[in-house]
Amino acid sequence: MTTVSSVLEQPIRSDWSSEEVRTLFDWPFPDLIFAAQSLHRRHFDPAAVQISTLLSIK
Protein backbone atom coordinates (compact mmCIF):
# COMPACT_ATOMS: atom_id res chain seq x y z
CA MET A 1 0.00 0.00 0.00
CA THR A 2 1.18 3.51 -0.79
CA THR A 3 1.63 5.61 2.34
CA VAL A 4 2.02 9.36 2.83
CA SER A 5 5.63 8.97 3.95
CA SER A 6 6.53 6.79 0.94
CA VAL A 7 5.01 9.34 -1.44
CA LEU A 8 6.87 12.22 0.20
CA GLU A 9 10.20 10.37 -0.08
CA GLN A 10 9.84 9.84 -3.84
CA PRO A 11 10.65 12.36 -6.56
CA ILE A 12 7.75 13.79 -8.59
CA ARG A 13 6.39 11.07 -10.87
CA SER A 14 3.96 10.83 -13.75
CA ASP A 15 4.10 7.07 -14.26
CA TRP A 16 1.66 5.95 -11.55
CA SER A 17 0.01 2.58 -12.13
CA SER A 18 -3.76 2.29 -11.94
CA GLU A 19 -3.44 0.30 -8.71
CA GLU A 20 -1.27 3.01 -7.08
CA VAL A 21 -3.81 5.68 -8.03
CA ARG A 22 -6.65 3.55 -6.66
CA THR A 23 -4.88 3.32 -3.29
CA LEU A 24 -4.77 7.13 -3.12
CA PHE A 25 -8.58 7.16 -3.25
CA ASP A 26 -8.58 5.05 -0.08
CA TRP A 27 -6.53 7.60 1.89
CA PRO A 28 -8.26 9.78 4.47
CA PHE A 29 -8.85 13.21 2.92
CA PRO A 30 -6.62 15.10 5.44
CA ASP A 31 -3.69 12.78 4.60
CA LEU A 32 -4.18 13.39 0.88
CA ILE A 33 -4.23 17.17 1.41
CA PHE A 34 -1.14 16.97 3.65
CA ALA A 35 0.80 14.99 1.02
CA ALA A 36 -0.21 17.41 -1.76
CA GLN A 37 0.71 20.45 0.33
CA SER A 38 4.05 18.96 1.38
CA LEU A 39 5.02 18.18 -2.22
CA HIS A 40 3.91 21.62 -3.37
CA ARG A 41 5.94 23.36 -0.64
CA ARG A 42 9.01 21.30 -1.59
CA HIS A 43 8.97 22.76 -5.12
CA PHE A 44 7.35 26.20 -4.71
CA ASP A 45 7.76 29.10 -2.28
CA PRO A 46 4.84 28.78 0.16
CA ALA A 47 4.81 32.56 0.70
CA ALA A 48 4.60 33.42 -3.01
CA VAL A 49 1.26 34.61 -4.34
CA GLN A 50 0.35 34.04 -7.98
CA ILE A 51 -0.86 37.21 -9.64
CA SER A 52 -3.00 36.86 -12.75
CA THR A 53 -4.48 39.41 -15.12
CA LEU A 54 -7.77 39.10 -16.95
CA LEU A 55 -7.01 39.66 -20.64
CA SER A 56 -10.53 39.53 -22.02
CA ILE A 57 -14.06 38.80 -20.86
CA LYS A 58 -15.40 37.88 -24.30
PDB file of N, CA and C in Angstrom:
ATOM      1  N   MET A   1       0.837  -1.197   0.000  1.00  0.00           N
ATOM      2  CA  MET A   1       0.000   0.000   0.000  1.00  0.00           C
ATOM      3  C   MET A   1       0.873   1.250   0.000  1.00  0.00           C
ATOM      4  N   THR A   2       0.471   2.243  -0.733  1.00  0.00           N
ATOM      5  CA  THR A   2       1.180   3.508  -0.791  1.00  0.00           C
ATOM      6  C   THR A   2       0.830   4.322   0.446  1.00  0.00           C
ATOM      7  N   THR A   3       1.862   4.807   1.144  1.00  0.00           N
ATOM      8  CA  THR A   3       1.631   5.606   2.345  1.00  0.00           C
ATOM      9  C   THR A   3       2.075   7.036   2.102  1.00  0.00           C
ATOM     10  N   VAL A   4       1.640   7.948   2.962  1.00  0.00           N
ATOM     11  CA  VAL A   4       2.016   9.357   2.833  1.00  0.00           C
ATOM     12  C   VAL A   4       3.530   9.492   2.874  1.00  0.00           C
ATOM     13  N   SER A   5       4.177   8.834   3.822  1.00  0.00           N
ATOM     14  CA  SER A   5       5.631   8.969   3.947  1.00  0.00           C
ATOM     15  C   SER A   5       6.354   8.418   2.721  1.00  0.00           C
ATOM     16  N   SER A   6       5.864   7.331   2.133  1.00  0.00           N
ATOM     17  CA  SER A   6       6.528   6.791   0.943  1.00  0.00           C
ATOM     18  C   SER A   6       6.362   7.720  -0.254  1.00  0.00           C
ATOM     19  N   VAL A   7       5.226   8.384  -0.350  1.00  0.00           N
ATOM     20  CA  VAL A   7       5.013   9.335  -1.444  1.00  0.00           C
ATOM     21  C   VAL A   7       5.921  10.545  -1.273  1.00  0.00           C
ATOM     22  N   LEU A   8       6.059  11.030  -0.043  1.00  0.00           N
ATOM     23  CA  LEU A   8       6.872  12.218   0.204  1.00  0.00           C
ATOM     24  C   LEU A   8       8.357  11.955   0.004  1.00  0.00           C
ATOM     25  N   GLU A   9       8.791  10.710   0.111  1.00  0.00           N
ATOM     26  CA  GLU A   9      10.200  10.368  -0.078  1.00  0.00           C
ATOM     27  C   GLU A   9      10.564  10.224  -1.551  1.00  0.00           C
ATOM     28  N   GLN A  10       9.588  10.062  -2.419  1.00  0.00           N
ATOM     29  CA  GLN A  10       9.841   9.844  -3.839  1.00  0.00           C
ATOM     30  C   GLN A  10       9.949  11.171  -4.579  1.00  0.00           C
ATOM     31  N   PRO A  11      10.681  11.175  -5.705  1.00  0.00           N
ATOM     32  CA  PRO A  11      10.647  12.364  -6.564  1.00  0.00           C
ATOM     33  C   PRO A  11       9.279  12.461  -7.248  1.00  0.00           C
ATOM     34  N   ILE A  12       9.003  13.610  -7.848  1.00  0.00           N
ATOM     35  CA  ILE A  12       7.752  13.790  -8.593  1.00  0.00           C
ATOM     36  C   ILE A  12       7.699  12.741  -9.708  1.00  0.00           C
ATOM     37  N   ARG A  13       6.546  12.097  -9.851  1.00  0.00           N
ATOM     38  CA  ARG A  13       6.394  11.073 -10.875  1.00  0.00           C
ATOM     39  C   ARG A  13       5.138  11.319 -11.702  1.00  0.00           C
ATOM     40  N   SER A  14       5.161  10.788 -12.910  1.00  0.00           N
ATOM     41  CA  SER A  14       3.964  10.832 -13.753  1.00  0.00           C
ATOM     42  C   SER A  14       3.654   9.446 -14.318  1.00  0.00           C
ATOM     43  N   ASP A  15       4.279   8.427 -13.745  1.00  0.00           N
ATOM     44  CA  ASP A  15       4.102   7.066 -14.257  1.00  0.00           C
ATOM     45  C   ASP A  15       3.397   6.163 -13.248  1.00  0.00           C
ATOM     46  N   TRP A  16       2.391   6.701 -12.561  1.00  0.00           N
ATOM     47  CA  TRP A  16       1.660   5.947 -11.552  1.00  0.00           C
ATOM     48  C   TRP A  16       0.848   4.845 -12.222  1.00  0.00           C
ATOM     49  N   SER A  17       0.852   3.672 -11.623  1.00  0.00           N
ATOM     50  CA  SER A  17       0.011   2.583 -12.127  1.00  0.00           C
ATOM     51  C   SER A  17      -1.428   2.821 -11.670  1.00  0.00           C
ATOM     52  N   SER A  18      -2.349   2.164 -12.326  1.00  0.00           N
ATOM     53  CA  SER A  18      -3.764   2.292 -11.943  1.00  0.00           C
ATOM     54  C   SER A  18      -3.983   1.852 -10.502  1.00  0.00           C
ATOM     55  N   GLU A  19      -3.291   0.805 -10.087  1.00  0.00           N
ATOM     56  CA  GLU A  19      -3.436   0.300  -8.713  1.00  0.00           C
ATOM     57  C   GLU A  19      -2.920   1.324  -7.694  1.00  0.00           C
ATOM     58  N   GLU A  20      -1.801   1.988  -7.997  1.00  0.00           N
ATOM     59  CA  GLU A  20      -1.270   3.008  -7.085  1.00  0.00           C
ATOM     60  C   GLU A  20      -2.241   4.180  -6.957  1.00  0.00           C
ATOM     61  N   VAL A  21      -2.839   4.578  -8.062  1.00  0.00           N
ATOM     62  CA  VAL A  21      -3.805   5.677  -8.030  1.00  0.00           C
ATOM     63  C   VAL A  21      -5.039   5.262  -7.238  1.00  0.00           C
ATOM     64  N   ARG A  22      -5.491   4.035  -7.418  1.00  0.00           N
ATOM     65  CA  ARG A  22      -6.648   3.546  -6.658  1.00  0.00           C
ATOM     66  C   ARG A  22      -6.393   3.593  -5.152  1.00  0.00           C
ATOM     67  N   THR A  23      -5.173   3.287  -4.728  1.00  0.00           N
ATOM     68  CA  THR A  23      -4.882   3.318  -3.291  1.00  0.00           C
ATOM     69  C   THR A  23      -4.958   4.738  -2.738  1.00  0.00           C
ATOM     70  N   LEU A  24      -4.658   5.736  -3.581  1.00  0.00           N
ATOM     71  CA  LEU A  24      -4.772   7.126  -3.116  1.00  0.00           C
ATOM     72  C   LEU A  24      -6.220   7.476  -2.789  1.00  0.00           C
ATOM     73  N   PHE A  25      -7.164   6.892  -3.518  1.00  0.00           N
ATOM     74  CA  PHE A  25      -8.580   7.155  -3.252  1.00  0.00           C
ATOM     75  C   PHE A  25      -9.027   6.575  -1.913  1.00  0.00           C
ATOM     76  N   ASP A  26      -8.258   5.638  -1.379  1.00  0.00           N
ATOM     77  CA  ASP A  26      -8.581   5.050  -0.077  1.00  0.00           C
ATOM     78  C   ASP A  26      -8.006   5.845   1.095  1.00  0.00           C
ATOM     79  N   TRP A  27      -7.134   6.806   0.818  1.00  0.00           N
ATOM     80  CA  TRP A  27      -6.530   7.604   1.893  1.00  0.00           C
ATOM     81  C   TRP A  27      -7.582   8.491   2.547  1.00  0.00           C
ATOM     82  N   PRO A  28      -7.420   8.764   3.832  1.00  0.00           N
ATOM     83  CA  PRO A  28      -8.260   9.783   4.467  1.00  0.00           C
ATOM     84  C   PRO A  28      -7.968  11.139   3.815  1.00  0.00           C
ATOM     85  N   PHE A  29      -9.005  11.933   3.630  1.00  0.00           N
ATOM     86  CA  PHE A  29      -8.846  13.207   2.924  1.00  0.00           C
ATOM     87  C   PHE A  29      -7.766  14.107   3.540  1.00  0.00           C
ATOM     88  N   PRO A  30      -7.683  14.249   4.874  1.00  0.00           N
ATOM     89  CA  PRO A  30      -6.621  15.102   5.439  1.00  0.00           C
ATOM     90  C   PRO A  30      -5.211  14.616   5.078  1.00  0.00           C
ATOM     91  N   ASP A  31      -4.999  13.301   4.990  1.00  0.00           N
ATOM     92  CA  ASP A  31      -3.689  12.779   4.599  1.00  0.00           C
ATOM     93  C   ASP A  31      -3.372  13.126   3.149  1.00  0.00           C
ATOM     94  N   LEU A  32      -4.375  13.057   2.287  1.00  0.00           N
ATOM     95  CA  LEU A  32      -4.184  13.394   0.881  1.00  0.00           C
ATOM     96  C   LEU A  32      -3.826  14.872   0.726  1.00  0.00           C
ATOM     97  N   ILE A  33      -4.524  15.740   1.456  1.00  0.00           N
ATOM     98  CA  ILE A  33      -4.230  17.175   1.410  1.00  0.00           C
ATOM     99  C   ILE A  33      -2.832  17.448   1.958  1.00  0.00           C
ATOM    100  N   PHE A  34      -2.460  16.787   3.057  1.00  0.00           N
ATOM    101  CA  PHE A  34      -1.136  16.969   3.646  1.00  0.00           C
ATOM    102  C   PHE A  34      -0.041  16.579   2.656  1.00  0.00           C
ATOM    103  N   ALA A  35      -0.198  15.441   1.984  1.00  0.00           N
ATOM    104  CA  ALA A  35       0.802  14.991   1.018  1.00  0.00           C
ATOM    105  C   ALA A  35       0.916  15.977  -0.142  1.00  0.00           C
ATOM    106  N   ALA A  36      -0.219  16.448  -0.647  1.00  0.00           N
ATOM    107  CA  ALA A  36      -0.206  17.406  -1.760  1.00  0.00           C
ATOM    108  C   ALA A  36       0.459  18.712  -1.339  1.00  0.00           C
ATOM    109  N   GLN A  37       0.124  19.203  -0.150  1.00  0.00           N
ATOM    110  CA  GLN A  37       0.708  20.455   0.331  1.00  0.00           C
ATOM    111  C   GLN A  37       2.213  20.302   0.562  1.00  0.00           C
ATOM    112  N   SER A  38       2.630  19.190   1.111  1.00  0.00           N
ATOM    113  CA  SER A  38       4.054  18.962   1.376  1.00  0.00           C
ATOM    114  C   SER A  38       4.854  18.925   0.080  1.00  0.00           C
ATOM    115  N   LEU A  39       4.332  18.224  -0.930  1.00  0.00           N
ATOM    116  CA  LEU A  39       5.019  18.179  -2.221  1.00  0.00           C
ATOM    117  C   LEU A  39       5.055  19.557  -2.870  1.00  0.00           C
ATOM    118  N   HIS A  40       3.957  20.290  -2.784  1.00  0.00           N
ATOM    119  CA  HIS A  40       3.905  21.623  -3.375  1.00  0.00           C
ATOM    120  C   HIS A  40       4.923  22.542  -2.703  1.00  0.00           C
ATOM    121  N   ARG A  41       4.999  22.509  -1.376  1.00  0.00           N
ATOM    122  CA  ARG A  41       5.945  23.359  -0.641  1.00  0.00           C
ATOM    123  C   ARG A  41       7.397  22.981  -0.936  1.00  0.00           C
ATOM    124  N   ARG A  42       7.642  21.722  -1.269  1.00  0.00           N
ATOM    125  CA  ARG A  42       9.006  21.301  -1.591  1.00  0.00           C
ATOM    126  C   ARG A  42       9.493  21.963  -2.882  1.00  0.00           C
ATOM    127  N   HIS A  43       8.581  22.265  -3.802  1.00  0.00           N
ATOM    128  CA  HIS A  43       8.970  22.763  -5.119  1.00  0.00           C
ATOM    129  C   HIS A  43       8.597  24.222  -5.377  1.00  0.00           C
ATOM    130  N   PHE A  44       7.782  24.817  -4.522  1.00  0.00           N
ATOM    131  CA  PHE A  44       7.355  26.201  -4.707  1.00  0.00           C
ATOM    132  C   PHE A  44       7.449  26.950  -3.389  1.00  0.00           C
ATOM    133  N   ASP A  45       7.696  28.243  -3.465  1.00  0.00           N
ATOM    134  CA  ASP A  45       7.758  29.095  -2.279  1.00  0.00           C
ATOM    135  C   ASP A  45       6.359  29.190  -1.676  1.00  0.00           C
ATOM    136  N   PRO A  46       6.179  28.749  -0.429  1.00  0.00           N
ATOM    137  CA  PRO A  46       4.839  28.784   0.163  1.00  0.00           C
ATOM    138  C   PRO A  46       4.331  30.195   0.435  1.00  0.00           C
ATOM    139  N   ALA A  47       5.227  31.185   0.442  1.00  0.00           N
ATOM    140  CA  ALA A  47       4.811  32.560   0.702  1.00  0.00           C
ATOM    141  C   ALA A  47       4.509  33.326  -0.587  1.00  0.00           C
ATOM    142  N   ALA A  48       4.831  32.736  -1.732  1.00  0.00           N
ATOM    143  CA  ALA A  48       4.602  33.415  -3.006  1.00  0.00           C
ATOM    144  C   ALA A  48       3.117  33.397  -3.357  1.00  0.00           C
ATOM    145  N   VAL A  49       2.655  34.498  -3.922  1.00  0.00           N
ATOM    146  CA  VAL A  49       1.263  34.610  -4.344  1.00  0.00           C
ATOM    147  C   VAL A  49       1.247  34.761  -5.861  1.00  0.00           C
ATOM    148  N   GLN A  50       0.454  33.940  -6.533  1.00  0.00           N
ATOM    149  CA  GLN A  50       0.349  34.035  -7.977  1.00  0.00           C
ATOM    150  C   GLN A  50      -0.553  35.202  -8.322  1.00  0.00           C
ATOM    151  N   ILE A  51      -0.071  36.065  -9.204  1.00  0.00           N
ATOM    152  CA  ILE A  51      -0.861  37.212  -9.642  1.00  0.00           C
ATOM    153  C   ILE A  51      -1.231  36.988 -11.101  1.00  0.00           C
ATOM    154  N   SER A  52      -2.508  37.068 -11.388  1.00  0.00           N
ATOM    155  CA  SER A  52      -3.002  36.859 -12.745  1.00  0.00           C
ATOM    156  C   SER A  52      -3.736  38.102 -13.214  1.00  0.00           C
ATOM    157  N   THR A  53      -3.793  38.269 -14.524  1.00  0.00           N
ATOM    158  CA  THR A  53      -4.479  39.406 -15.117  1.00  0.00           C
ATOM    159  C   THR A  53      -5.532  38.895 -16.094  1.00  0.00           C
ATOM    160  N   LEU A  54      -6.712  39.457 -16.027  1.00  0.00           N
ATOM    161  CA  LEU A  54      -7.772  39.104 -16.955  1.00  0.00           C
ATOM    162  C   LEU A  54      -7.512  39.826 -18.270  1.00  0.00           C
ATOM    163  N   LEU A  55      -7.319  39.069 -19.351  1.00  0.00           N
ATOM    164  CA  LEU A  55      -7.013  39.665 -20.644  1.00  0.00           C
ATOM    165  C   LEU A  55      -8.269  40.053 -21.408  1.00  0.00           C
ATOM    166  N   SER A  56      -9.315  39.263 -21.277  1.00  0.00           N
ATOM    167  CA  SER A  56     -10.531  39.527 -22.021  1.00  0.00           C
ATOM    168  C   SER A  56     -11.699  38.843 -21.327  1.00  0.00           C
ATOM    169  N   ILE A  57     -12.873  39.443 -21.437  1.00  0.00           N
ATOM    170  CA  ILE A  57     -14.056  38.803 -20.861  1.00  0.00           C
ATOM    171  C   ILE A  57     -15.008  38.311 -21.949  1.00  0.00           C
ATOM    172  N   LYS A  58     -14.559  38.321 -23.186  1.00  0.00           N
ATOM    173  CA  LYS A  58     -15.403  37.877 -24.298  1.00  0.00           C
ATOM    174  C   LYS A  58     -15.611  36.402 -24.274  1.00  0.00           C
TER     175      LYS A  58
END
